[in-house]
Amino acid sequence: GAVFLALHLLSVNVNRAISTKITYFIF
């Protein structure tokens, strides 16, 4: 459970970082 939680949080943070940079550029 701890490993999959860590993978999930990693995925969320990577997605957030990429999406944020793209959205700022679009705006």
PDB file of all heavy atoms in Angstrom:
ATOM      1  N   GLY A   1       0.821  -1.207   0.000  1.00  0.00           N
ATOM      2  CA  GLY A   1       0.000   0.000   0.000  1.00  0.00           C
ATOM      3  C   GLY A   1       0.855   1.256   0.000  1.00  0.00           C
ATOM      4  O   GLY A   1       0.549   2.230  -0.712  1.00  0.00           O
ATOM      5  N   ALA A   2       1.936   1.240   0.790  1.00  0.00           N
ATOM      6  CA  ALA A   2       2.816   2.402   0.872  1.00  0.00           C
ATOM      7  C   ALA A   2       3.524   2.660  -0.452  1.00  0.00           C
ATOM      8  O   ALA A   2       3.671   3.812  -0.885  1.00  0.00           O
ATOM      9  CB  ALA A   2       3.840   2.201   1.988  1.00  0.00           C
ATOM     10  N   VAL A   3       3.934   1.598  -1.119  1.00  0.00           N
ATOM     11  CA  VAL A   3       4.628   1.747  -2.401  1.00  0.00           C
ATOM     12  C   VAL A   3       3.697   2.333  -3.448  1.00  0.00           C
ATOM     13  O   VAL A   3       4.056   3.263  -4.189  1.00  0.00           O
ATOM     14  CB  VAL A   3       5.194   0.399  -2.882  1.00  0.00           C
ATOM     15  CG1 VAL A   3       5.642   0.491  -4.339  1.00  0.00           C
ATOM     16  CG2 VAL A   3       6.367  -0.020  -2.004  1.00  0.00           C
ATOM     17  N   PHE A   4       2.479   1.804  -3.520  1.00  0.00           N
ATOM     18  CA  PHE A   4       1.544   2.321  -4.521  1.00  0.00           C
ATOM     19  C   PHE A   4       1.111   3.752  -4.204  1.00  0.00           C
ATOM     20  O   PHE A   4       0.842   4.540  -5.115  1.00  0.00           O
ATOM     21  CB  PHE A   4       0.335   1.391  -4.653  1.00  0.00           C
ATOM     22  CG  PHE A   4       0.585   0.231  -5.566  1.00  0.00           C
ATOM     23  CD1 PHE A   4       0.941  -1.008  -5.054  1.00  0.00           C
ATOM     24  CD2 PHE A   4       0.501   0.384  -6.943  1.00  0.00           C
ATOM     25  CE1 PHE A   4       1.187  -2.072  -5.904  1.00  0.00           C
ATOM     26  CE2 PHE A   4       0.739  -0.671  -7.799  1.00  0.00           C
ATOM     27  CZ  PHE A   4       1.085  -1.914  -7.281  1.00  0.00           C
ATOM     28  N   LEU A   5       1.044   4.098  -2.922  1.00  0.00           N
ATOM     29  CA  LEU A   5       0.766   5.478  -2.548  1.00  0.00           C
ATOM     30  C   LEU A   5       1.891   6.398  -3.032  1.00  0.00           C
ATOM     31  O   LEU A   5       1.631   7.479  -3.594  1.00  0.00           O
ATOM     32  CB  LEU A   5       0.611   5.610  -1.031  1.00  0.00           C
ATOM     33  CG  LEU A   5       0.457   7.043  -0.489  1.00  0.00           C
ATOM     34  CD1 LEU A   5      -0.780   7.722  -1.083  1.00  0.00           C
ATOM     35  CD2 LEU A   5       0.406   7.030   1.030  1.00  0.00           C
ATOM     36  N   ALA A   6       3.130   5.967  -2.843  1.00  0.00           N
ATOM     37  CA  ALA A   6       4.271   6.763  -3.285  1.00  0.00           C
ATOM     38  C   ALA A   6       4.263   6.943  -4.795  1.00  0.00           C
ATOM     39  O   ALA A   6       4.517   8.043  -5.310  1.00  0.00           O
ATOM     40  CB  ALA A   6       5.572   6.102  -2.836  1.00  0.00           C
ATOM     41  N   LEU A   7       3.928   5.881  -5.531  1.00  0.00           N
ATOM     42  CA  LEU A   7       3.866   5.977  -6.997  1.00  0.00           C
ATOM     43  C   LEU A   7       2.747   6.915  -7.443  1.00  0.00           C
ATOM     44  O   LEU A   7       2.896   7.682  -8.401  1.00  0.00           O
ATOM     45  CB  LEU A   7       3.667   4.589  -7.598  1.00  0.00           C
ATOM     46  CG  LEU A   7       4.846   3.625  -7.469  1.00  0.00           C
ATOM     47  CD1 LEU A   7       4.452   2.235  -7.959  1.00  0.00           C
ATOM     48  CD2 LEU A   7       6.053   4.150  -8.245  1.00  0.00           C
ATOM     49  N   HIS A   8       1.619   6.822  -6.735  1.00  0.00           N
ATOM     50  CA  HIS A   8       0.499   7.702  -7.061  1.00  0.00           C
ATOM     51  C   HIS A   8       0.876   9.166  -6.843  1.00  0.00           C
ATOM     52  O   HIS A   8       0.620  10.026  -7.708  1.00  0.00           O
ATOM     53  CB  HIS A   8      -0.710   7.342  -6.205  1.00  0.00           C
ATOM     54  CG  HIS A   8      -1.827   8.339  -6.285  1.00  0.00           C
ATOM     55  ND1 HIS A   8      -2.631   8.479  -7.397  1.00  0.00           N
ATOM     56  CD2 HIS A   8      -2.268   9.274  -5.385  1.00  0.00           C
ATOM     57  CE1 HIS A   8      -3.516   9.431  -7.194  1.00  0.00           C
ATOM     58  NE2 HIS A   8      -3.317   9.928  -5.981  1.00  0.00           N
ATOM     59  N   LEU A   9       1.487   9.469  -5.705  1.00  0.00           N
ATOM     60  CA  LEU A   9       1.876  10.845  -5.406  1.00  0.00           C
ATOM     61  C   LEU A   9       2.916  11.358  -6.396  1.00  0.00           C
ATOM     62  O   LEU A   9       2.882  12.532  -6.795  1.00  0.00           O
ATOM     63  CB  LEU A   9       2.400  10.941  -3.973  1.00  0.00           C
ATOM     64  CG  LEU A   9       1.373  10.693  -2.873  1.00  0.00           C
ATOM     65  CD1 LEU A   9       2.043  10.726  -1.503  1.00  0.00           C
ATOM     66  CD2 LEU A   9       0.257  11.718  -2.942  1.00  0.00           C
ATOM     67  N   LEU A  10       3.825  10.474  -6.801  1.00  0.00           N
ATOM     68  CA  LEU A  10       4.811  10.857  -7.808  1.00  0.00           C
ATOM     69  C   LEU A  10       4.127  11.217  -9.119  1.00  0.00           C
ATOM     70  O   LEU A  10       4.428  12.243  -9.743  1.00  0.00           O
ATOM     71  CB  LEU A  10       5.801   9.720  -8.023  1.00  0.00           C
ATOM     72  CG  LEU A  10       6.851   9.936  -9.134  1.00  0.00           C
ATOM     73  CD1 LEU A  10       7.739  11.139  -8.793  1.00  0.00           C
ATOM     74  CD2 LEU A  10       7.688   8.678  -9.322  1.00  0.00           C
ATOM     75  N   SER A  11       3.171  10.383  -9.534  1.00  0.00           N
ATOM     76  CA  SER A  11       2.435  10.641 -10.773  1.00  0.00           C
ATOM     77  C   SER A  11       1.669  11.951 -10.702  1.00  0.00           C
ATOM     78  O   SER A  11       1.664  12.751 -11.659  1.00  0.00           O
ATOM     79  CB  SER A  11       1.471   9.483 -11.046  1.00  0.00           C
ATOM     80  OG  SER A  11       0.643   9.754 -12.154  1.00  0.00           O
ATOM     81  N   VAL A  12       1.006  12.199  -9.564  1.00  0.00           N
ATOM     82  CA  VAL A  12       0.240  13.435  -9.386  1.00  0.00           C
ATOM     83  C   VAL A  12       1.144  14.658  -9.482  1.00  0.00           C
ATOM     84  O   VAL A  12       0.828  15.646 -10.159  1.00  0.00           O
ATOM     85  CB  VAL A  12      -0.503  13.421  -8.039  1.00  0.00           C
ATOM     86  CG1 VAL A  12      -1.072  14.805  -7.714  1.00  0.00           C
ATOM     87  CG2 VAL A  12      -1.612  12.385  -8.060  1.00  0.00           C
ATOM     88  N   ASN A  13       2.288  14.601  -8.806  1.00  0.00           N
ATOM     89  CA  ASN A  13       3.182  15.756  -8.788  1.00  0.00           C
ATOM     90  C   ASN A  13       3.805  16.030 -10.151  1.00  0.00           C
ATOM     91  O   ASN A  13       3.963  17.190 -10.545  1.00  0.00           O
ATOM     92  CB  ASN A  13       4.272  15.551  -7.737  1.00  0.00           C
ATOM     93  CG  ASN A  13       3.746  15.709  -6.322  1.00  0.00           C
ATOM     94  OD1 ASN A  13       2.796  16.441  -6.084  1.00  0.00           O
ATOM     95  ND2 ASN A  13       4.352  15.008  -5.378  1.00  0.00           N
ATOM     96  N   VAL A  14       4.151  14.971 -10.870  1.00  0.00           N
ATOM     97  CA  VAL A  14       4.710  15.150 -12.212  1.00  0.00           C
ATOM     98  C   VAL A  14       3.653  15.741 -13.141  1.00  0.00           C
ATOM     99  O   VAL A  14       3.916  16.684 -13.892  1.00  0.00           O
ATOM    100  CB  VAL A  14       5.234  13.814 -12.768  1.00  0.00           C
ATOM    101  CG1 VAL A  14       5.574  13.942 -14.254  1.00  0.00           C
ATOM    102  CG2 VAL A  14       6.469  13.366 -11.994  1.00  0.00           C
ATOM    103  N   ASN A  15       2.427  15.187 -13.073  1.00  0.00           N
ATOM    104  CA  ASN A  15       1.343  15.695 -13.894  1.00  0.00           C
ATOM    105  C   ASN A  15       1.049  17.161 -13.578  1.00  0.00           C
ATOM    106  O   ASN A  15       0.844  17.983 -14.482  1.00  0.00           O
ATOM    107  CB  ASN A  15       0.087  14.856 -13.671  1.00  0.00           C
ATOM    108  CG  ASN A  15      -1.146  15.480 -14.302  1.00  0.00           C
ATOM    109  OD1 ASN A  15      -1.294  15.503 -15.517  1.00  0.00           O
ATOM    110  ND2 ASN A  15      -2.041  15.989 -13.465  1.00  0.00           N
ATOM    111  N   ARG A  16       1.030  17.496 -12.296  1.00  0.00           N
ATOM    112  CA  ARG A  16       0.753  18.876 -11.893  1.00  0.00           C
ATOM    113  C   ARG A  16       1.821  19.826 -12.424  1.00  0.00           C
ATOM    114  O   ARG A  16       1.494  20.914 -12.934  1.00  0.00           O
ATOM    115  CB  ARG A  16       0.694  18.967 -10.380  1.00  0.00           C
ATOM    116  CG  ARG A  16       0.368  20.370  -9.854  1.00  0.00           C
ATOM    117  CD  ARG A  16       0.576  20.442  -8.361  1.00  0.00           C
ATOM    118  NE  ARG A  16       1.995  20.307  -8.033  1.00  0.00           N
ATOM    119  CZ  ARG A  16       2.450  19.892  -6.862  1.00  0.00           C
ATOM    120  NH1 ARG A  16       1.604  19.533  -5.911  1.00  0.00           N
ATOM    121  NH2 ARG A  16       3.741  19.803  -6.642  1.00  0.00           N
ATOM    122  N   ALA A  17       3.077  19.436 -12.312  1.00  0.00           N
ATOM    123  CA  ALA A  17       4.166  20.301 -12.768  1.00  0.00           C
ATOM    124  C   ALA A  17       4.071  20.570 -14.267  1.00  0.00           C
ATOM    125  O   ALA A  17       4.215  21.719 -14.722  1.00  0.00           O
ATOM    126  CB  ALA A  17       5.514  19.666 -12.430  1.00  0.00           C
ATOM    127  N   ILE A  18       3.809  19.523 -15.050  1.00  0.00           N
ATOM    128  CA  ILE A  18       3.711  19.675 -16.502  1.00  0.00           C
ATOM    129  C   ILE A  18       2.474  20.482 -16.877  1.00  0.00           C
ATOM    130  O   ILE A  18       2.536  21.416 -17.683  1.00  0.00           O
ATOM    131  CB  ILE A  18       3.692  18.297 -17.185  1.00  0.00           C
ATOM    132  CG1 ILE A  18       5.033  17.578 -16.967  1.00  0.00           C
ATOM    133  CG2 ILE A  18       3.404  18.434 -18.675  1.00  0.00           C
ATOM    134  CD1 ILE A  18       5.035  16.140 -17.425  1.00  0.00           C
ATOM    135  N   SER A  19       1.328  20.121 -16.281  1.00  0.00           N
ATOM    136  CA  SER A  19       0.072  20.816 -16.601  1.00  0.00           C
ATOM    137  C   SER A  19       0.138  22.291 -16.238  1.00  0.00           C
ATOM    138  O   SER A  19      -0.393  23.149 -16.957  1.00  0.00           O
ATOM    139  CB  SER A  19      -1.098  20.159 -15.859  1.00  0.00           C
ATOM    140  OG  SER A  19      -1.275  18.828 -16.264  1.00  0.00           O
ATOM    141  N   THR A  20       0.782  22.609 -15.120  1.00  0.00           N
ATOM    142  CA  THR A  20       0.884  23.994 -14.680  1.00  0.00           C
ATOM    143  C   THR A  20       1.702  24.827 -15.660  1.00  0.00           C
ATOM    144  O   THR A  20       1.310  25.936 -16.047  1.00  0.00           O
ATOM    145  CB  THR A  20       1.494  24.073 -13.271  1.00  0.00           C
ATOM    146  OG1 THR A  20       0.623  23.402 -12.347  1.00  0.00           O
ATOM    147  CG2 THR A  20       1.680  25.517 -12.824  1.00  0.00           C
ATOM    148  N   LYS A  21       2.825  24.310 -16.089  1.00  0.00           N
ATOM    149  CA  LYS A  21       3.664  25.048 -17.047  1.00  0.00           C
ATOM    150  C   LYS A  21       2.928  25.258 -18.367  1.00  0.00           C
ATOM    151  O   LYS A  21       2.955  26.355 -18.948  1.00  0.00           O
ATOM    152  CB  LYS A  21       4.977  24.299 -17.279  1.00  0.00           C
ATOM    153  CG  LYS A  21       5.936  24.354 -16.108  1.00  0.00           C
ATOM    154  CD  LYS A  21       7.247  23.701 -16.433  1.00  0.00           C
ATOM    155  CE  LYS A  21       8.220  23.795 -15.264  1.00  0.00           C
ATOM    156  NZ  LYS A  21       8.592  25.204 -14.956  1.00  0.00           N
ATOM    157  N   ILE A  22       2.240  24.218 -18.852  1.00  0.00           N
ATOM    158  CA  ILE A  22       1.503  24.346 -20.118  1.00  0.00           C
ATOM    159  C   ILE A  22       0.369  25.347 -19.980  1.00  0.00           C
ATOM    160  O   ILE A  22       0.143  26.188 -20.863  1.00  0.00           O
ATOM    161  CB  ILE A  22       0.976  22.967 -20.561  1.00  0.00           C
ATOM    162  CG1 ILE A  22       2.135  22.048 -20.939  1.00  0.00           C
ATOM    163  CG2 ILE A  22       0.014  23.116 -21.739  1.00  0.00           C
ATOM    164  CD1 ILE A  22       1.722  20.619 -21.230  1.00  0.00           C
ATOM    165  N   THR A  23      -0.373  25.292 -18.869  1.00  0.00           N
ATOM    166  CA  THR A  23      -1.514  26.190 -18.682  1.00  0.00           C
ATOM    167  C   THR A  23      -1.067  27.643 -18.565  1.00  0.00           C
ATOM    168  O   THR A  23      -1.705  28.543 -19.139  1.00  0.00           O
ATOM    169  CB  THR A  23      -2.323  25.783 -17.436  1.00  0.00           C
ATOM    170  OG1 THR A  23      -2.767  24.430 -17.587  1.00  0.00           O
ATOM    171  CG2 THR A  23      -3.533  26.680 -17.267  1.00  0.00           C
ATOM    172  N   TYR A  24       0.011  27.884 -17.841  1.00  0.00           N
ATOM    173  CA  TYR A  24       0.529  29.258 -17.756  1.00  0.00           C
ATOM    174  C   TYR A  24       0.879  29.788 -19.148  1.00  0.00           C
ATOM    175  O   TYR A  24       0.602  30.957 -19.471  1.00  0.00           O
ATOM    176  CB  TYR A  24       1.754  29.309 -16.849  1.00  0.00           C
ATOM    177  CG  TYR A  24       1.458  29.731 -15.429  1.00  0.00           C
ATOM    178  CD1 TYR A  24       1.081  28.803 -14.471  1.00  0.00           C
ATOM    179  CD2 TYR A  24       1.557  31.071 -15.042  1.00  0.00           C
ATOM    180  CE1 TYR A  24       0.805  29.186 -13.165  1.00  0.00           C
ATOM    181  CE2 TYR A  24       1.289  31.472 -13.743  1.00  0.00           C
ATOM    182  CZ  TYR A  24       0.912  30.529 -12.805  1.00  0.00           C
ATOM    183  OH  TYR A  24       0.632  30.921 -11.522  1.00  0.00           O
ATOM    184  N   PHE A  25       1.470  28.932 -19.969  1.00  0.00           N
ATOM    185  CA  PHE A  25       1.827  29.352 -21.328  1.00  0.00           C
ATOM    186  C   PHE A  25       0.577  29.626 -22.165  1.00  0.00           C
ATOM    187  O   PHE A  25       0.507  30.636 -22.882  1.00  0.00           O
ATOM    188  CB  PHE A  25       2.690  28.277 -21.988  1.00  0.00           C
ATOM    189  CG  PHE A  25       3.159  28.639 -23.372  1.00  0.00           C
ATOM    190  CD1 PHE A  25       3.990  29.724 -23.574  1.00  0.00           C
ATOM    191  CD2 PHE A  25       2.747  27.901 -24.469  1.00  0.00           C
ATOM    192  CE1 PHE A  25       4.420  30.072 -24.847  1.00  0.00           C
ATOM    193  CE2 PHE A  25       3.168  28.236 -25.750  1.00  0.00           C
ATOM    194  CZ  PHE A  25       4.004  29.335 -25.937  1.00  0.00           C
ATOM    195  N   ILE A  26      -0.415  28.758 -22.053  1.00  0.00           N
ATOM    196  CA  ILE A  26      -1.670  28.961 -22.784  1.00  0.00           C
ATOM    197  C   ILE A  26      -2.352  30.255 -22.338  1.00  0.00           C
ATOM    198  O   ILE A  26      -2.830  31.048 -23.163  1.00  0.00           O
ATOM    199  CB  ILE A  26      -2.616  27.759 -22.579  1.00  0.00           C
ATOM    200  CG1 ILE A  26      -2.063  26.521 -23.290  1.00  0.00           C
ATOM    201  CG2 ILE A  26      -4.022  28.078 -23.100  1.00  0.00           C
ATOM    202  CD1 ILE A  26      -2.818  25.248 -22.979  1.00  0.00           C
ATOM    203  N   PHE A  27      -2.402  30.490 -21.030  1.00  0.00           N
ATOM    204  CA  PHE A  27      -3.016  31.719 -20.522  1.00  0.00           C
ATOM    205  C   PHE A  27      -2.261  32.957 -21.018  1.00  0.00           C
ATOM    206  O   PHE A  27      -2.869  33.986 -21.331  1.00  0.00           O
ATOM    207  CB  PHE A  27      -3.062  31.705 -19.003  1.00  0.00           C
ATOM    208  CG  PHE A  27      -4.202  30.904 -18.420  1.00  0.00           C
ATOM    209  CD1 PHE A  27      -4.870  29.966 -19.188  1.00  0.00           C
ATOM    210  CD2 PHE A  27      -4.605  31.087 -17.113  1.00  0.00           C
ATOM    211  CE1 PHE A  27      -5.925  29.226 -18.668  1.00  0.00           C
ATOM    212  CE2 PHE A  27      -5.661  30.361 -16.575  1.00  0.00           C
ATOM    213  CZ  PHE A  27      -6.316  29.431 -17.354  1.00  0.00           C
TER     214      PHE A  27
END
